[in-house]
Protein backbone atom coordinates (compact mmCIF):
# COMPACT_ATOMS: atom_id res chain seq x y z
CA MET A 1 16.39 -1.65 13.17
CA VAL A 2 19.61 0.17 12.32
CA VAL A 3 20.30 2.07 9.14
CA ASN A 4 23.91 1.43 8.13
CA THR A 5 24.92 4.18 5.76
CA SER A 6 28.29 2.56 5.06
CA GLN A 7 26.66 -0.26 3.07
CA LYS A 8 25.53 0.47 -0.46
CA SER A 9 22.99 -1.02 -2.86
CA THR A 10 21.18 0.21 -5.94
CA LEU A 11 17.59 1.26 -6.39
CA ILE A 12 15.97 0.16 -9.62
CA ASN A 13 15.52 2.92 -12.18
CA GLN A 14 11.77 2.46 -12.43
CA LYS A 15 11.62 4.39 -15.70
CA ASN A 16 12.70 1.09 -17.26
CA ILE A 17 9.49 -0.48 -15.98
CA THR A 18 6.86 2.21 -16.50
CA GLU A 19 6.41 5.87 -17.22
CA ILE A 20 3.05 5.92 -15.46
CA SER A 21 2.93 6.34 -11.69
CA LEU A 22 0.72 7.79 -8.97
CA GLN A 23 3.86 9.67 -7.98
CA GLY A 24 6.13 6.96 -6.70
CA CYS A 25 7.67 6.11 -3.33
CA ASP A 26 8.44 9.69 -2.38
CA ALA A 27 6.34 10.23 0.79
CA SER A 28 4.01 12.59 -1.09
CA ILE A 29 1.11 10.94 0.78
CA LEU A 30 2.34 12.46 4.04
CA LEU A 31 2.18 16.09 2.93
CA ASN A 32 -0.54 18.30 4.42
CA GLY A 33 -2.09 21.24 2.59
CA THR A 34 -5.00 22.22 0.42
CA GLY A 35 -5.42 19.67 -2.34
CA SER A 36 -3.12 17.14 -0.69
CA GLU A 37 -3.42 13.41 -1.33
CA LEU A 38 -4.67 12.97 2.23
CA GLU A 39 -7.77 14.96 1.26
CA ASP A 40 -8.58 12.72 -1.70
CA ALA A 41 -11.39 10.19 -1.28
CA PRO A 42 -9.27 7.01 -1.57
CA ASN A 43 -7.05 8.20 1.30
CA LEU A 44 -9.62 9.55 3.75
CA THR A 45 -9.50 6.32 5.74
CA ILE A 46 -5.78 6.62 6.53
CA ARG A 47 -5.66 6.75 10.31
CA ASP A 48 -4.05 9.66 12.14
CA GLU A 49 -2.24 7.15 14.36
CA ALA A 50 -0.35 5.80 11.35
CA LEU A 51 0.83 9.28 10.38
CA GLU A 52 1.82 9.99 13.95
CA ILE A 53 3.87 6.79 14.16
CA ILE A 54 5.81 7.71 11.01
CA GLN A 55 6.63 11.12 12.49
CA LEU A 56 7.67 9.57 15.82
CA ILE A 57 10.09 7.31 13.96
CA LYS A 58 11.35 10.30 11.99
CA ASP A 59 11.94 12.26 15.20
CA ALA A 60 13.93 9.39 16.70
CA VAL A 61 16.03 9.01 13.56
CA GLU A 62 16.65 12.76 13.33
CA ALA A 63 17.93 12.73 16.91
CA GLU A 64 20.58 10.19 15.90
CA CYS A 65 21.49 11.36 12.38
CA THR A 66 20.00 14.66 11.31
CA GLY A 67 19.07 15.11 7.68
CA VAL A 68 20.15 11.64 6.55
CA VAL A 69 17.06 9.38 6.45
CA SER A 70 14.05 10.47 4.40
CA CYS A 71 10.39 10.00 5.25
CA ALA A 72 10.16 8.13 1.95
CA ASP A 73 12.60 5.55 3.35
CA ILE A 74 10.89 5.35 6.73
CA ILE A 75 7.51 4.35 5.22
CA PRO A 76 8.65 1.09 3.55
CA LEU A 77 10.96 0.31 6.48
CA ALA A 78 8.01 0.61 8.85
CA ALA A 79 5.87 -1.51 6.54
CA SER A 80 8.52 -4.21 6.35
CA TYR A 81 8.94 -4.30 10.10
CA ALA A 82 5.16 -4.37 10.69
CA VAL A 83 4.75 -7.34 8.33
CA TYR A 84 7.56 -9.22 10.07
CA MET A 85 6.27 -8.48 13.58
CA ALA A 86 2.81 -9.71 12.55
CA GLY A 87 4.22 -13.08 11.52
CA GLY A 88 4.97 -12.37 7.89
CA PRO A 89 8.16 -12.65 5.87
CA GLU A 90 11.13 -10.33 6.09
CA PHE A 91 11.75 -8.37 2.91
CA PRO A 92 14.72 -6.12 2.15
CA VAL A 93 14.15 -2.41 1.66
CA PRO A 94 16.76 -0.73 -0.56
CA LEU A 95 17.27 2.78 0.77
CA GLY A 96 18.34 6.14 -0.57
CA ARG A 97 14.98 7.70 -1.50
CA ARG A 98 14.39 11.40 -1.14
CA ASP A 99 11.14 13.14 -0.29
CA SER A 100 9.02 14.92 -2.87
CA LEU A 101 8.30 18.64 -2.79
CA THR A 102 4.76 18.18 -4.08
CA PHE A 103 1.83 15.80 -3.99
CA ALA A 104 -0.26 14.18 -6.71
CA ASN A 105 -3.50 15.95 -7.59
CA GLU A 106 -6.90 14.35 -6.98
CA SER A 107 -7.48 13.12 -10.52
CA VAL A 108 -4.11 11.34 -10.57
CA THR A 109 -4.80 9.79 -7.17
CA VAL A 110 -8.26 8.53 -8.12
CA ASP A 111 -7.18 7.27 -11.53
CA ASN A 112 -4.19 5.33 -10.21
CA LEU A 113 -5.53 3.70 -7.04
CA PRO A 114 -7.70 0.59 -7.56
CA GLY A 115 -11.16 0.96 -6.08
CA PRO A 116 -12.83 -1.57 -3.76
CA THR A 117 -15.43 -2.40 -6.43
CA SER A 118 -12.83 -3.18 -9.12
CA ASN A 119 -12.83 -6.54 -10.87
CA VAL A 120 -9.74 -8.48 -11.96
CA SER A 121 -9.62 -6.82 -15.38
CA VAL A 122 -9.61 -3.32 -13.86
CA LEU A 123 -7.11 -4.30 -11.18
CA MET A 124 -4.76 -5.94 -13.65
CA ALA A 125 -4.86 -2.97 -16.01
CA LEU A 126 -3.69 -0.69 -13.19
CA PHE A 127 -1.02 -3.14 -12.06
CA VAL A 128 0.34 -3.54 -15.59
CA GLU A 129 0.80 0.23 -15.74
CA LYS A 130 3.10 -0.12 -12.74
CA GLY A 131 5.11 -2.96 -14.27
CA PHE A 132 3.39 -5.94 -12.63
CA THR A 133 2.57 -8.09 -15.65
CA ASP A 134 1.67 -11.45 -14.11
CA TYR A 135 -1.67 -12.30 -12.47
CA ALA A 136 0.33 -13.89 -9.65
CA ASP A 137 1.83 -10.45 -8.91
CA LEU A 138 -1.66 -9.02 -8.43
CA VAL A 139 -2.81 -11.88 -6.20
CA ALA A 140 0.36 -11.84 -4.09
CA LEU A 141 0.22 -8.10 -3.41
CA SER A 142 -3.50 -8.30 -2.64
CA GLY A 143 -2.48 -10.62 0.18
CA GLY A 144 -1.50 -7.51 2.11
CA HIS A 145 -5.18 -7.50 3.07
CA THR A 146 -4.41 -10.38 5.41
CA PHE A 147 -4.51 -7.68 8.05
CA GLY A 148 -6.12 -4.26 8.13
CA ILE A 149 -9.65 -2.90 8.20
CA SER A 150 -12.23 -1.61 5.75
CA HIS A 151 -14.90 1.02 6.22
CA CYS A 152 -18.53 0.27 5.41
CA ALA A 153 -18.46 2.69 2.49
CA SER A 154 -15.99 0.40 0.69
CA PHE A 155 -18.27 -2.64 0.63
CA VAL A 156 -21.79 -1.40 1.42
CA ASP A 157 -22.70 -1.84 -2.25
CA ARG A 158 -22.51 -5.61 -1.62
CA LEU A 159 -25.32 -5.29 0.94
CA TYR A 160 -27.65 -2.59 -0.40
CA PRO A 161 -29.99 -2.38 -2.19
CA THR A 162 -29.61 -6.14 -2.67
CA GLN A 163 -27.10 -8.64 -1.30
CA ASP A 164 -24.23 -9.67 -3.55
CA PRO A 165 -24.84 -13.38 -4.38
CA THR A 166 -21.08 -14.07 -4.22
CA LEU A 167 -20.99 -12.95 -0.57
CA ASN A 168 -21.12 -15.74 2.02
CA ALA A 169 -24.57 -15.59 3.67
CA SER A 170 -23.16 -15.96 7.19
CA LEU A 171 -20.68 -13.16 6.64
CA ALA A 172 -23.44 -11.01 5.13
CA LYS A 173 -25.44 -11.28 8.36
CA GLU A 174 -22.45 -10.01 10.32
CA LEU A 175 -21.85 -7.18 7.88
CA TYR A 176 -25.48 -6.05 8.10
CA LEU A 177 -24.95 -5.69 11.86
CA THR A 178 -21.78 -3.69 11.26
CA CYS A 179 -23.27 -1.56 8.49
CA SER A 180 -26.95 -1.15 9.35
CA SER A 181 -27.49 1.37 6.55
CA VAL A 182 -25.73 2.72 3.49
CA SER A 183 -24.54 5.69 5.53
CA THR A 184 -23.16 3.79 8.55
CA VAL A 185 -19.66 4.86 9.53
CA ASN A 186 -18.04 1.72 10.88
CA THR A 187 -15.24 -0.74 10.12
CA THR A 188 -14.59 -4.46 9.89
CA ASP A 189 -11.51 -6.65 9.52
CA LEU A 190 -10.47 -7.54 5.98
CA ASP A 191 -9.38 -11.02 7.07
CA ILE A 192 -12.08 -12.54 9.26
CA LEU A 193 -10.03 -15.62 10.22
CA THR A 194 -6.76 -14.13 11.54
CA PRO A 195 -7.18 -10.35 11.38
CA ILE A 196 -4.00 -9.38 13.24
CA VAL A 197 -1.67 -12.01 11.79
CA PHE A 198 0.17 -11.77 8.50
CA ASP A 199 -0.50 -15.21 7.00
CA ASN A 200 -2.32 -16.85 4.09
CA LYS A 201 -5.77 -17.06 5.70
CA TYR A 202 -6.92 -14.14 3.54
CA TYR A 203 -6.94 -16.56 0.61
CA ALA A 204 -8.93 -19.11 2.61
CA ASP A 205 -11.45 -16.31 3.19
CA LEU A 206 -11.78 -15.86 -0.56
CA GLU A 207 -12.33 -19.59 -1.10
CA ASN A 208 -15.17 -19.44 1.44
CA GLY A 209 -16.78 -16.39 -0.15
CA ASP A 210 -15.66 -14.29 2.82
CA GLY A 211 -13.78 -11.61 0.92
CA ILE A 212 -14.94 -8.25 2.26
CA LEU A 213 -14.28 -6.16 -0.84
CA THR A 214 -15.47 -6.89 -4.35
CA SER A 215 -11.89 -6.41 -5.51
CA ASP A 216 -10.77 -9.14 -3.10
CA GLN A 217 -13.50 -11.69 -3.80
CA SER A 218 -13.11 -11.22 -7.55
CA LEU A 219 -9.67 -12.83 -7.31
CA TYR A 220 -11.32 -16.15 -6.49
CA ASN A 221 -14.37 -15.72 -8.68
CA ASP A 222 -12.29 -15.01 -11.80
CA SER A 223 -10.91 -18.09 -13.59
CA ARG A 224 -7.70 -16.23 -14.43
CA THR A 225 -6.71 -15.88 -10.79
CA GLN A 226 -8.64 -18.60 -8.96
CA ASP A 227 -5.90 -21.24 -9.13
CA ILE A 228 -3.35 -18.74 -7.80
CA VAL A 229 -5.64 -18.02 -4.84
CA LYS A 230 -6.00 -21.76 -4.20
CA ASN A 231 -2.24 -22.23 -4.28
CA PHE A 232 -1.59 -19.40 -1.83
CA ALA A 233 -4.39 -20.66 0.44
CA THR A 234 -2.65 -24.01 0.87
CA ASN A 235 0.99 -22.96 0.50
CA MET A 236 1.95 -20.05 2.74
CA SER A 237 5.60 -20.25 1.66
CA SER A 238 4.54 -19.69 -1.94
CA PHE A 239 2.50 -16.65 -0.90
CA PHE A 240 5.35 -15.23 1.19
CA GLU A 241 7.79 -15.68 -1.68
CA GLY A 242 5.51 -13.93 -4.15
CA PHE A 243 4.73 -11.14 -1.68
CA VAL A 244 8.40 -10.43 -0.97
CA VAL A 245 9.41 -10.32 -4.64
CA ASN A 246 6.63 -7.92 -5.52
CA MET A 247 6.94 -5.72 -2.44
CA VAL A 248 10.64 -5.19 -3.15
CA LYS A 249 9.62 -4.12 -6.63
CA MET A 250 6.77 -1.92 -5.42
CA VAL A 251 8.82 0.03 -2.87
CA GLN A 252 11.14 1.08 -5.70
CA LEU A 253 8.47 2.59 -7.94
CA ASP A 254 9.53 5.99 -9.30
CA VAL A 255 11.82 6.93 -6.43
CA LEU A 256 13.58 10.26 -6.12
CA THR A 257 17.33 9.98 -5.45
CA GLY A 258 20.54 11.95 -5.58
CA SER A 259 19.85 15.66 -5.84
CA GLU A 260 16.12 15.24 -6.45
CA GLY A 261 13.61 16.35 -3.86
CA GLU A 262 14.83 16.74 -0.30
CA ILE A 263 15.03 15.01 3.07
CA ARG A 264 12.19 16.53 5.08
CA GLN A 265 12.63 17.43 8.72
CA ILE A 266 8.90 17.09 9.33
CA CYS A 267 7.20 14.45 7.22
CA SER A 268 3.97 16.42 6.76
CA GLN A 269 5.59 19.50 5.23
CA VAL A 270 8.40 20.50 2.94
CA ASN A 271 11.42 22.01 4.67
CA ASN A 272 10.68 25.50 3.38
CA ALA A 273 7.05 25.46 4.52
CA SER A 274 6.40 28.97 3.25
CA ALA A 275 7.34 28.04 -0.30
CA SER A 276 4.70 26.82 -2.72
CA TYR A 277 4.88 23.20 -3.78
CA SER A 278 6.75 22.65 -7.03
CA ILE A 279 7.21 19.81 -9.47
CA VAL A 280 10.36 17.73 -8.92
CA ASN A 281 12.39 16.99 -12.00
CA GLU A 282 13.34 13.37 -12.54
CA GLY A 283 17.00 12.42 -12.32
CA ALA A 284 19.13 9.33 -12.22
CA GLY A 285 21.04 9.21 -8.93
CA HIS A 286 20.87 5.76 -7.39
CA SER A 287 23.14 5.52 -4.33
CA SER A 288 21.42 4.02 -1.32
CA ALA A 289 22.05 2.65 2.10
CA THR A 290 20.83 -0.79 3.11
CA LEU A 291 19.73 -2.39 6.34
């Protein structure tokens, strides 16, 4: 993957879509420090290996073109490449983001990230705040769970104290073995059919009652989204098309560009590590490189 800085495209000014954001695509999630997003409950399951991979990519890029490519650009580029290598669709990643100098506080993080026990109404309310106004947008982006893992804590409420009646009985038996108590620290695949392939089998899981998270299974159990799930389960091209459109939109949420923020040398800290984190003012620069 080569970043060609001679080609130009334009990042969407996301202020036209929404004024409400967790903080946007600014690599704030990578910052270490007291009160960082990485310390907030919804992000405690982010694996160290993932953070290390982002920094390894950053180191390689810095060796070729110092101070040009931001960590905020590397994250969606890595995501795009991972989806493609796992069998999913290619999606373009407009570039030109800059890295934030601060991270979102815990209340903002918790309030803006959908929880694993959320139903369709809660999920949709959060998605609408980000500019995704169609139920198909929600269902398509949820398809990212076609690979990945979940910790017991995220779905143990479906097992204890009583079993969720919408949970497939056969799957429940397997989950009881994985999570033998409410305090078990263990993981399971989100897509039980093809866990390491990016395809539409996640939706087949939901049709079979094999959604791991309440927020996943609710997409099939809710009449407002059930037909969309059925369509994606039988038409992978339709799913891929919806996923690409919405991922391109998502990776442009509230970006920092132009003179805003900075391009970090180390993704886990601001360049002037001794300085206190400060709020970045919003601006309107939109030059970007493209793949």
